[in-house]
Amino acid sequence: MAEYHLLKQEFSFQNNVISLFLTNPIEEPLLQSVRSDLMTYLREKLENNSLQLEGVMQEHQTRKIAYTNKEKFEHLAEKNPALYELKEKLGLDPDF
């Protein structure tokens, strides 16, 4: 399953070099383990013995998920600061 996920990643092809974009460092050893079989298969099917394969680590941004009511309120208030004023006028507590 991990190999399938790895091979479904984005890639680019330039000057006989296939660049496979990796999303985390764990994928690098996995790529190394399937590299020889994959290169043999690709070179045979594409009839190109000068193909090369490289893994390129791609920065992946993670976003924080708001779980509590206070975190949800803070997230919305960042987008619309008028919510702070409304909260004060109505005397609301986002931690209910």
PDB file of N, CA and C in Angstrom:
ATOM      1  N   MET A   1       0.822  -1.189   0.000  1.00  0.00           N
ATOM      2  CA  MET A   1       0.000   0.000   0.000  1.00  0.00           C
ATOM      3  C   MET A   1       0.868   1.257   0.000  1.00  0.00           C
ATOM      4  N   ALA A   2       1.960   1.228   0.755  1.00  0.00           N
ATOM      5  CA  ALA A   2       2.832   2.397   0.825  1.00  0.00           C
ATOM      6  C   ALA A   2       3.491   2.662  -0.530  1.00  0.00           C
ATOM      7  N   GLU A   3       3.870   1.601  -1.236  1.00  0.00           N
ATOM      8  CA  GLU A   3       4.462   1.772  -2.557  1.00  0.00           C
ATOM      9  C   GLU A   3       3.453   2.375  -3.522  1.00  0.00           C
ATOM     10  N   TYR A   4       2.211   1.951  -3.423  1.00  0.00           N
ATOM     11  CA  TYR A   4       1.157   2.490  -4.281  1.00  0.00           C
ATOM     12  C   TYR A   4       1.000   3.988  -4.038  1.00  0.00           C
ATOM     13  N   HIS A   5       0.951   4.372  -2.772  1.00  0.00           N
ATOM     14  CA  HIS A   5       0.827   5.795  -2.423  1.00  0.00           C
ATOM     15  C   HIS A   5       2.023   6.587  -2.951  1.00  0.00           C
ATOM     16  N   LEU A   6       3.206   6.026  -2.821  1.00  0.00           N
ATOM     17  CA  LEU A   6       4.419   6.689  -3.287  1.00  0.00           C
ATOM     18  C   LEU A   6       4.376   6.902  -4.798  1.00  0.00           C
ATOM     19  N   LEU A   7       3.935   5.904  -5.529  1.00  0.00           N
ATOM     20  CA  LEU A   7       3.915   6.002  -6.993  1.00  0.00           C
ATOM     21  C   LEU A   7       2.764   6.858  -7.509  1.00  0.00           C
ATOM     22  N   LYS A   8       1.821   7.212  -6.673  1.00  0.00           N
ATOM     23  CA  LYS A   8       0.724   8.098  -7.072  1.00  0.00           C
ATOM     24  C   LYS A   8       1.063   9.573  -6.826  1.00  0.00           C
ATOM     25  N   GLN A   9       2.247   9.840  -6.291  1.00  0.00           N
ATOM     26  CA  GLN A   9       2.675  11.217  -6.031  1.00  0.00           C
ATOM     27  C   GLN A   9       2.893  11.956  -7.350  1.00  0.00           C
ATOM     28  N   GLU A  10       2.907  13.289  -7.261  1.00  0.00           N
ATOM     29  CA  GLU A  10       3.212  14.116  -8.422  1.00  0.00           C
ATOM     30  C   GLU A  10       4.653  13.884  -8.849  1.00  0.00           C
ATOM     31  N   PHE A  11       4.908  14.077 -10.132  1.00  0.00           N
ATOM     32  CA  PHE A  11       6.266  13.960 -10.639  1.00  0.00           C
ATOM     33  C   PHE A  11       6.452  14.927 -11.796  1.00  0.00           C
ATOM     34  N   SER A  12       7.707  15.155 -12.129  1.00  0.00           N
ATOM     35  CA  SER A  12       8.017  15.948 -13.319  1.00  0.00           C
ATOM     36  C   SER A  12       9.066  15.179 -14.112  1.00  0.00           C
ATOM     37  N   PHE A  13       9.106  15.429 -15.402  1.00  0.00           N
ATOM     38  CA  PHE A  13      10.042  14.743 -16.276  1.00  0.00           C
ATOM     39  C   PHE A  13      10.755  15.779 -17.133  1.00  0.00           C
ATOM     40  N   GLN A  14      12.076  15.871 -16.975  1.00  0.00           N
ATOM     41  CA  GLN A  14      12.891  16.799 -17.752  1.00  0.00           C
ATOM     42  C   GLN A  14      14.249  16.193 -18.008  1.00  0.00           C
ATOM     43  N   ASN A  15      14.691  16.262 -19.244  1.00  0.00           N
ATOM     44  CA  ASN A  15      16.039  15.803 -19.620  1.00  0.00           C
ATOM     45  C   ASN A  15      16.334  14.388 -19.132  1.00  0.00           C
ATOM     46  N   ASN A  16      15.403  13.493 -19.342  1.00  0.00           N
ATOM     47  CA  ASN A  16      15.538  12.086 -18.957  1.00  0.00           C
ATOM     48  C   ASN A  16      15.644  11.863 -17.451  1.00  0.00           C
ATOM     49  N   VAL A  17      15.231  12.838 -16.670  1.00  0.00           N
ATOM     50  CA  VAL A  17      15.231  12.703 -15.213  1.00  0.00           C
ATOM     51  C   VAL A  17      13.792  12.802 -14.720  1.00  0.00           C
ATOM     52  N   ILE A  18      13.365  11.781 -14.012  1.00  0.00           N
ATOM     53  CA  ILE A  18      12.039  11.776 -13.400  1.00  0.00           C
ATOM     54  C   ILE A  18      12.213  12.237 -11.960  1.00  0.00           C
ATOM     55  N   SER A  19      11.572  13.348 -11.620  1.00  0.00           N
ATOM     56  CA  SER A  19      11.627  13.873 -10.251  1.00  0.00           C
ATOM     57  C   SER A  19      10.314  13.533  -9.567  1.00  0.00           C
ATOM     58  N   LEU A  20      10.387  12.686  -8.570  1.00  0.00           N
ATOM     59  CA  LEU A  20       9.203  12.274  -7.809  1.00  0.00           C
ATOM     60  C   LEU A  20       9.141  13.116  -6.551  1.00  0.00           C
ATOM     61  N   PHE A  21       8.032  13.850  -6.380  1.00  0.00           N
ATOM     62  CA  PHE A  21       7.901  14.759  -5.242  1.00  0.00           C
ATOM     63  C   PHE A  21       7.438  13.989  -4.005  1.00  0.00           C
ATOM     64  N   LEU A  22       8.264  14.021  -2.967  1.00  0.00           N
ATOM     65  CA  LEU A  22       7.994  13.315  -1.713  1.00  0.00           C
ATOM     66  C   LEU A  22       7.414  14.296  -0.706  1.00  0.00           C
ATOM     67  N   THR A  23       6.500  13.802   0.128  1.00  0.00           N
ATOM     68  CA  THR A  23       5.851  14.683   1.096  1.00  0.00           C
ATOM     69  C   THR A  23       6.415  14.554   2.509  1.00  0.00           C
ATOM     70  N   ASN A  24       7.125  13.455   2.801  1.00  0.00           N
ATOM     71  CA  ASN A  24       7.741  13.324   4.117  1.00  0.00           C
ATOM     72  C   ASN A  24       9.007  12.482   4.013  1.00  0.00           C
ATOM     73  N   PRO A  25       9.908  12.593   4.980  1.00  0.00           N
ATOM     74  CA  PRO A  25      11.196  11.893   4.911  1.00  0.00           C
ATOM     75  C   PRO A  25      11.083  10.370   4.942  1.00  0.00           C
ATOM     76  N   ILE A  26       9.978   9.839   5.386  1.00  0.00           N
ATOM     77  CA  ILE A  26       9.798   8.388   5.451  1.00  0.00           C
ATOM     78  C   ILE A  26       9.708   7.781   4.052  1.00  0.00           C
ATOM     79  N   GLU A  27       9.280   8.584   3.089  1.00  0.00           N
ATOM     80  CA  GLU A  27       9.124   8.082   1.732  1.00  0.00           C
ATOM     81  C   GLU A  27      10.463   7.865   1.020  1.00  0.00           C
ATOM     82  N   GLU A  28      11.517   8.533   1.460  1.00  0.00           N
ATOM     83  CA  GLU A  28      12.821   8.391   0.806  1.00  0.00           C
ATOM     84  C   GLU A  28      13.353   6.953   0.857  1.00  0.00           C
ATOM     85  N   PRO A  29      13.410   6.304   2.041  1.00  0.00           N
ATOM     86  CA  PRO A  29      13.874   4.910   2.053  1.00  0.00           C
ATOM     87  C   PRO A  29      12.945   3.974   1.269  1.00  0.00           C
ATOM     88  N   LEU A  30      11.673   4.285   1.254  1.00  0.00           N
ATOM     89  CA  LEU A  30      10.722   3.477   0.494  1.00  0.00           C
ATOM     90  C   LEU A  30      11.021   3.594  -1.002  1.00  0.00           C
ATOM     91  N   LEU A  31      11.336   4.793  -1.451  1.00  0.00           N
ATOM     92  CA  LEU A  31      11.696   4.998  -2.847  1.00  0.00           C
ATOM     93  C   LEU A  31      12.968   4.229  -3.176  1.00  0.00           C
ATOM     94  N   GLN A  32      13.930   4.257  -2.282  1.00  0.00           N
ATOM     95  CA  GLN A  32      15.184   3.530  -2.510  1.00  0.00           C
ATOM     96  C   GLN A  32      14.940   2.028  -2.635  1.00  0.00           C
ATOM     97  N   SER A  33      13.981   1.509  -1.893  1.00  0.00           N
ATOM     98  CA  SER A  33      13.722   0.063  -1.933  1.00  0.00           C
ATOM     99  C   SER A  33      13.052  -0.388  -3.228  1.00  0.00           C
ATOM    100  N   VAL A  34      12.288   0.490  -3.879  1.00  0.00           N
ATOM    101  CA  VAL A  34      11.614   0.108  -5.119  1.00  0.00           C
ATOM    102  C   VAL A  34      12.289   0.693  -6.358  1.00  0.00           C
ATOM    103  N   ARG A  35      13.341   1.487  -6.164  1.00  0.00           N
ATOM    104  CA  ARG A  35      13.988   2.190  -7.272  1.00  0.00           C
ATOM    105  C   ARG A  35      14.481   1.252  -8.369  1.00  0.00           C
ATOM    106  N   SER A  36      15.207   0.209  -8.023  1.00  0.00           N
ATOM    107  CA  SER A  36      15.798  -0.646  -9.059  1.00  0.00           C
ATOM    108  C   SER A  36      14.728  -1.344  -9.893  1.00  0.00           C
ATOM    109  N   ASP A  37      13.706  -1.890  -9.252  1.00  0.00           N
ATOM    110  CA  ASP A  37      12.627  -2.550  -9.999  1.00  0.00           C
ATOM    111  C   ASP A  37      11.856  -1.552 -10.857  1.00  0.00           C
ATOM    112  N   LEU A  38      11.604  -0.378 -10.306  1.00  0.00           N
ATOM    113  CA  LEU A  38      10.872   0.650 -11.031  1.00  0.00           C
ATOM    114  C   LEU A  38      11.669   1.135 -12.243  1.00  0.00           C
ATOM    115  N   MET A  39      12.960   1.377 -12.061  1.00  0.00           N
ATOM    116  CA  MET A  39      13.781   1.849 -13.170  1.00  0.00           C
ATOM    117  C   MET A  39      13.904   0.792 -14.254  1.00  0.00           C
ATOM    118  N   THR A  40      14.040  -0.469 -13.888  1.00  0.00           N
ATOM    119  CA  THR A  40      14.088  -1.550 -14.868  1.00  0.00           C
ATOM    120  C   THR A  40      12.805  -1.577 -15.678  1.00  0.00           C
ATOM    121  N   TYR A  41      11.688  -1.483 -15.000  1.00  0.00           N
ATOM    122  CA  TYR A  41      10.387  -1.507 -15.671  1.00  0.00           C
ATOM    123  C   TYR A  41      10.228  -0.306 -16.608  1.00  0.00           C
ATOM    124  N   LEU A  42      10.523   0.893 -16.114  1.00  0.00           N
ATOM    125  CA  LEU A  42      10.360   2.097 -16.928  1.00  0.00           C
ATOM    126  C   LEU A  42      11.298   2.108 -18.134  1.00  0.00           C
ATOM    127  N   ARG A  43      12.544   1.729 -17.925  1.00  0.00           N
ATOM    128  CA  ARG A  43      13.494   1.719 -19.038  1.00  0.00           C
ATOM    129  C   ARG A  43      13.077   0.726 -20.116  1.00  0.00           C
ATOM    130  N   GLU A  44      12.550  -0.404 -19.691  1.00  0.00           N
ATOM    131  CA  GLU A  44      12.098  -1.418 -20.646  1.00  0.00           C
ATOM    132  C   GLU A  44      10.858  -0.961 -21.407  1.00  0.00           C
ATOM    133  N   LYS A  45       9.871  -0.462 -20.696  1.00  0.00           N
ATOM    134  CA  LYS A  45       8.609  -0.047 -21.324  1.00  0.00           C
ATOM    135  C   LYS A  45       8.780   1.184 -22.202  1.00  0.00           C
ATOM    136  N   LEU A  46       9.623   2.123 -21.775  1.00  0.00           N
ATOM    137  CA  LEU A  46       9.805   3.360 -22.528  1.00  0.00           C
ATOM    138  C   LEU A  46      10.962   3.283 -23.527  1.00  0.00           C
ATOM    139  N   GLU A  47      11.662   2.172 -23.497  1.00  0.00           N
ATOM    140  CA  GLU A  47      12.809   1.958 -24.376  1.00  0.00           C
ATOM    141  C   GLU A  47      13.783   3.125 -24.305  1.00  0.00           C
ATOM    142  N   ASN A  48      14.135   3.481 -23.070  1.00  0.00           N
ATOM    143  CA  ASN A  48      15.047   4.599 -22.832  1.00  0.00           C
ATOM    144  C   ASN A  48      15.959   4.212 -21.672  1.00  0.00           C
ATOM    145  N   ASN A  49      17.192   3.801 -22.001  1.00  0.00           N
ATOM    146  CA  ASN A  49      18.119   3.357 -20.964  1.00  0.00           C
ATOM    147  C   ASN A  49      18.805   4.491 -20.221  1.00  0.00           C
ATOM    148  N   SER A  50      18.562   5.728 -20.622  1.00  0.00           N
ATOM    149  CA  SER A  50      19.214   6.850 -19.943  1.00  0.00           C
ATOM    150  C   SER A  50      18.313   7.513 -18.905  1.00  0.00           C
ATOM    151  N   LEU A  51      17.187   6.895 -18.591  1.00  0.00           N
ATOM    152  CA  LEU A  51      16.287   7.452 -17.571  1.00  0.00           C
ATOM    153  C   LEU A  51      16.939   7.428 -16.199  1.00  0.00           C
ATOM    154  N   GLN A  52      16.669   8.472 -15.432  1.00  0.00           N
ATOM    155  CA  GLN A  52      17.112   8.556 -14.045  1.00  0.00           C
ATOM    156  C   GLN A  52      15.905   8.898 -13.179  1.00  0.00           C
ATOM    157  N   LEU A  53      15.970   8.527 -11.915  1.00  0.00           N
ATOM    158  CA  LEU A  53      14.889   8.800 -10.971  1.00  0.00           C
ATOM    159  C   LEU A  53      15.480   9.461  -9.739  1.00  0.00           C
ATOM    160  N   GLU A  54      14.846  10.560  -9.319  1.00  0.00           N
ATOM    161  CA  GLU A  54      15.294  11.226  -8.103  1.00  0.00           C
ATOM    162  C   GLU A  54      14.081  11.588  -7.250  1.00  0.00           C
ATOM    163  N   GLY A  55      14.266  11.534  -5.960  1.00  0.00           N
ATOM    164  CA  GLY A  55      13.227  11.943  -5.025  1.00  0.00           C
ATOM    165  C   GLY A  55      13.481  13.372  -4.583  1.00  0.00           C
ATOM    166  N   VAL A  56      12.457  14.204  -4.660  1.00  0.00           N
ATOM    167  CA  VAL A  56      12.581  15.619  -4.275  1.00  0.00           C
ATOM    168  C   VAL A  56      11.628  15.880  -3.118  1.00  0.00           C
ATOM    169  N   MET A  57      12.194  16.306  -1.990  1.00  0.00           N
ATOM    170  CA  MET A  57      11.370  16.600  -0.824  1.00  0.00           C
ATOM    171  C   MET A  57      10.609  17.897  -1.074  1.00  0.00           C
ATOM    172  N   GLN A  58       9.315  17.828  -0.922  1.00  0.00           N
ATOM    173  CA  GLN A  58       8.453  18.979  -1.168  1.00  0.00           C
ATOM    174  C   GLN A  58       7.912  19.470   0.162  1.00  0.00           C
ATOM    175  N   GLU A  59       8.036  20.771   0.378  1.00  0.00           N
ATOM    176  CA  GLU A  59       7.508  21.353   1.616  1.00  0.00           C
ATOM    177  C   GLU A  59       5.990  21.240   1.610  1.00  0.00           C
ATOM    178  N   HIS A  60       5.474  20.784   2.705  1.00  0.00           N
ATOM    179  CA  HIS A  60       4.036  20.617   2.828  1.00  0.00           C
ATOM    180  C   HIS A  60       3.579  21.400   4.038  1.00  0.00           C
ATOM    181  N   GLN A  61       2.718  22.371   3.816  1.00  0.00           N
ATOM    182  CA  GLN A  61       2.256  23.195   4.929  1.00  0.00           C
ATOM    183  C   GLN A  61       1.080  22.512   5.615  1.00  0.00           C
ATOM    184  N   THR A  62       1.153  22.501   6.920  1.00  0.00           N
ATOM    185  CA  THR A  62       0.041  21.954   7.688  1.00  0.00           C
ATOM    186  C   THR A  62      -0.728  23.107   8.300  1.00  0.00           C
ATOM    187  N   ARG A  63      -1.988  22.914   8.472  1.00  0.00           N
ATOM    188  CA  ARG A  63      -2.782  23.965   9.090  1.00  0.00           C
ATOM    189  C   ARG A  63      -3.342  23.458  10.409  1.00  0.00           C
ATOM    190  N   LYS A  64      -3.462  24.369  11.326  1.00  0.00           N
ATOM    191  CA  LYS A  64      -3.955  24.025  12.651  1.00  0.00           C
ATOM    192  C   LYS A  64      -5.469  23.942  12.599  1.00  0.00           C
ATOM    193  N   ILE A  65      -5.998  22.888  13.155  1.00  0.00           N
ATOM    194  CA  ILE A  65      -7.445  22.700  13.189  1.00  0.00           C
ATOM    195  C   ILE A  65      -7.973  23.179  14.531  1.00  0.00           C
ATOM    196  N   ALA A  66      -9.006  23.991  14.477  1.00  0.00           N
ATOM    197  CA  ALA A  66      -9.622  24.509  15.701  1.00  0.00           C
ATOM    198  C   ALA A  66     -10.596  23.468  16.243  1.00  0.00           C
ATOM    199  N   TYR A  67     -10.374  23.039  17.477  1.00  0.00           N
ATOM    200  CA  TYR A  67     -11.222  22.031  18.090  1.00  0.00           C
ATOM    201  C   TYR A  67     -12.181  22.616  19.128  1.00  0.00           C
ATOM    202  N   THR A  68     -11.650  23.478  19.986  1.00  0.00           N
ATOM    203  CA  THR A  68     -12.492  24.021  21.055  1.00  0.00           C
ATOM    204  C   THR A  68     -13.263  25.228  20.557  1.00  0.00           C
ATOM    205  N   ASN A  69     -14.286  25.602  21.302  1.00  0.00           N
ATOM    206  CA  ASN A  69     -15.083  26.769  20.933  1.00  0.00           C
ATOM    207  C   ASN A  69     -14.239  28.038  20.922  1.00  0.00           C
ATOM    208  N   LYS A  70     -13.329  28.156  21.892  1.00  0.00           N
ATOM    209  CA  LYS A  70     -12.468  29.336  21.955  1.00  0.00           C
ATOM    210  C   LYS A  70     -11.570  29.409  20.720  1.00  0.00           C
ATOM    211  N   GLU A  71     -10.979  28.273  20.307  1.00  0.00           N
ATOM    212  CA  GLU A  71     -10.130  28.256  19.119  1.00  0.00           C
ATOM    213  C   GLU A  71     -10.936  28.606  17.867  1.00  0.00           C
ATOM    214  N   LYS A  72     -12.163  28.111  17.785  1.00  0.00           N
ATOM    215  CA  LYS A  72     -13.018  28.427  16.644  1.00  0.00           C
ATOM    216  C   LYS A  72     -13.344  29.915  16.603  1.00  0.00           C
ATOM    217  N   PHE A  73     -13.652  30.483  17.788  1.00  0.00           N
ATOM    218  CA  PHE A  73     -13.948  31.910  17.858  1.00  0.00           C
ATOM    219  C   PHE A  73     -12.722  32.738  17.450  1.00  0.00           C
ATOM    220  N   GLU A  74     -11.554  32.381  17.962  1.00  0.00           N
ATOM    221  CA  GLU A  74     -10.331  33.116  17.636  1.00  0.00           C
ATOM    222  C   GLU A  74     -10.053  33.063  16.132  1.00  0.00           C
ATOM    223  N   HIS A  75     -10.277  31.926  15.526  1.00  0.00           N
ATOM    224  CA  HIS A  75     -10.059  31.781  14.088  1.00  0.00           C
ATOM    225  C   HIS A  75     -11.006  32.692  13.300  1.00  0.00           C
ATOM    226  N   LEU A  76     -12.270  32.692  13.682  1.00  0.00           N
ATOM    227  CA  LEU A  76     -13.237  33.550  12.995  1.00  0.00           C
ATOM    228  C   LEU A  76     -12.968  35.025  13.260  1.00  0.00           C
ATOM    229  N   ALA A  77     -12.548  35.353  14.487  1.00  0.00           N
ATOM    230  CA  ALA A  77     -12.279  36.743  14.837  1.00  0.00           C
ATOM    231  C   ALA A  77     -11.043  37.281  14.108  1.00  0.00           C
ATOM    232  N   GLU A  78     -10.105  36.398  13.752  1.00  0.00           N
ATOM    233  CA  GLU A  78      -8.959  36.833  12.953  1.00  0.00           C
ATOM    234  C   GLU A  78      -9.422  37.309  11.580  1.00  0.00           C
ATOM    235  N   LYS A  79     -10.422  36.628  11.054  1.00  0.00           N
ATOM    236  CA  LYS A  79     -10.958  37.001   9.749  1.00  0.00           C
ATOM    237  C   LYS A  79     -11.845  38.240   9.836  1.00  0.00           C
ATOM    238  N   ASN A  80     -12.549  38.388  10.963  1.00  0.00           N
ATOM    239  CA  ASN A  80     -13.463  39.505  11.132  1.00  0.00           C
ATOM    240  C   ASN A  80     -13.312  40.061  12.552  1.00  0.00           C
ATOM    241  N   PRO A  81     -12.442  41.057  12.751  1.00  0.00           N
ATOM    242  CA  PRO A  81     -12.181  41.602  14.089  1.00  0.00           C
ATOM    243  C   PRO A  81     -13.403  42.205  14.776  1.00  0.00           C
ATOM    244  N   ALA A  82     -14.462  42.496  14.043  1.00  0.00           N
ATOM    245  CA  ALA A  82     -15.667  43.055  14.651  1.00  0.00           C
ATOM    246  C   ALA A  82     -16.314  42.051  15.605  1.00  0.00           C
ATOM    247  N   LEU A  83     -15.973  40.782  15.508  1.00  0.00           N
ATOM    248  CA  LEU A  83     -16.527  39.778  16.416  1.00  0.00           C
ATOM    249  C   LEU A  83     -16.084  40.011  17.859  1.00  0.00           C
ATOM    250  N   TYR A  84     -14.866  40.522  18.041  1.00  0.00           N
ATOM    251  CA  TYR A  84     -14.412  40.848  19.399  1.00  0.00           C
ATOM    252  C   TYR A  84     -15.319  41.902  20.025  1.00  0.00           C
ATOM    253  N   GLU A  85     -15.605  42.926  19.254  1.00  0.00           N
ATOM    254  CA  GLU A  85     -16.473  44.009  19.742  1.00  0.00           C
ATOM    255  C   GLU A  85     -17.874  43.482  20.037  1.00  0.00           C
ATOM    256  N   LEU A  86     -18.400  42.654  19.168  1.00  0.00           N
ATOM    257  CA  LEU A  86     -19.729  42.075  19.359  1.00  0.00           C
ATOM    258  C   LEU A  86     -19.761  41.195  20.607  1.00  0.00           C
ATOM    259  N   LYS A  87     -18.704  40.434  20.817  1.00  0.00           N
ATOM    260  CA  LYS A  87     -18.614  39.571  22.000  1.00  0.00           C
ATOM    261  C   LYS A  87     -18.647  40.413  23.273  1.00  0.00           C
ATOM    262  N   GLU A  88     -17.921  41.519  23.293  1.00  0.00           N
ATOM    263  CA  GLU A  88     -17.882  42.393  24.463  1.00  0.00           C
ATOM    264  C   GLU A  88     -19.229  43.063  24.707  1.00  0.00           C
ATOM    265  N   LYS A  89     -19.854  43.542  23.653  1.00  0.00           N
ATOM    266  CA  LYS A  89     -21.155  44.233  23.797  1.00  0.00           C
ATOM    267  C   LYS A  89     -22.234  43.291  24.317  1.00  0.00           C
ATOM    268  N   LEU A  90     -22.204  42.057  23.857  1.00  0.00           N
ATOM    269  CA  LEU A  90     -23.221  41.095  24.278  1.00  0.00           C
ATOM    270  C   LEU A  90     -22.838  40.335  25.545  1.00  0.00           C
ATOM    271  N   GLY A  91     -21.590  40.516  25.982  1.00  0.00           N
ATOM    272  CA  GLY A  91     -21.152  39.837  27.200  1.00  0.00           C
ATOM    273  C   GLY A  91     -21.068  38.327  27.032  1.00  0.00           C
ATOM    274  N   LEU A  92     -20.629  37.879  25.880  1.00  0.00           N
ATOM    275  CA  LEU A  92     -20.561  36.451  25.576  1.00  0.00           C
ATOM    276  C   LEU A  92     -19.202  35.853  25.987  1.00  0.00           C
ATOM    277  N   ASP A  93     -19.247  34.564  26.279  1.00  0.00           N
ATOM    278  CA  ASP A  93     -18.029  33.824  26.613  1.00  0.00           C
ATOM    279  C   ASP A  93     -17.921  32.662  25.621  1.00  0.00           C
ATOM    280  N   PRO A  94     -16.883  32.613  24.803  1.00  0.00           N
ATOM    281  CA  PRO A  94     -16.779  31.539  23.802  1.00  0.00           C
ATOM    282  C   PRO A  94     -16.471  30.170  24.404  1.00  0.00           C
ATOM    283  N   ASP A  95     -16.179  30.102  25.698  1.00  0.00           N
ATOM    284  CA  ASP A  95     -15.862  28.833  26.347  1.00  0.00           C
ATOM    285  C   ASP A  95     -17.068  28.177  27.013  1.00  0.00           C
ATOM    286  N   PHE A  96     -18.272  28.438  26.520  1.00  0.00           N
ATOM    287  CA  PHE A  96     -19.463  27.914  27.194  1.00  0.00           C
ATOM    288  C   PHE A  96     -19.506  26.451  27.263  1.00  0.00           C
TER     289      PHE A  96
END
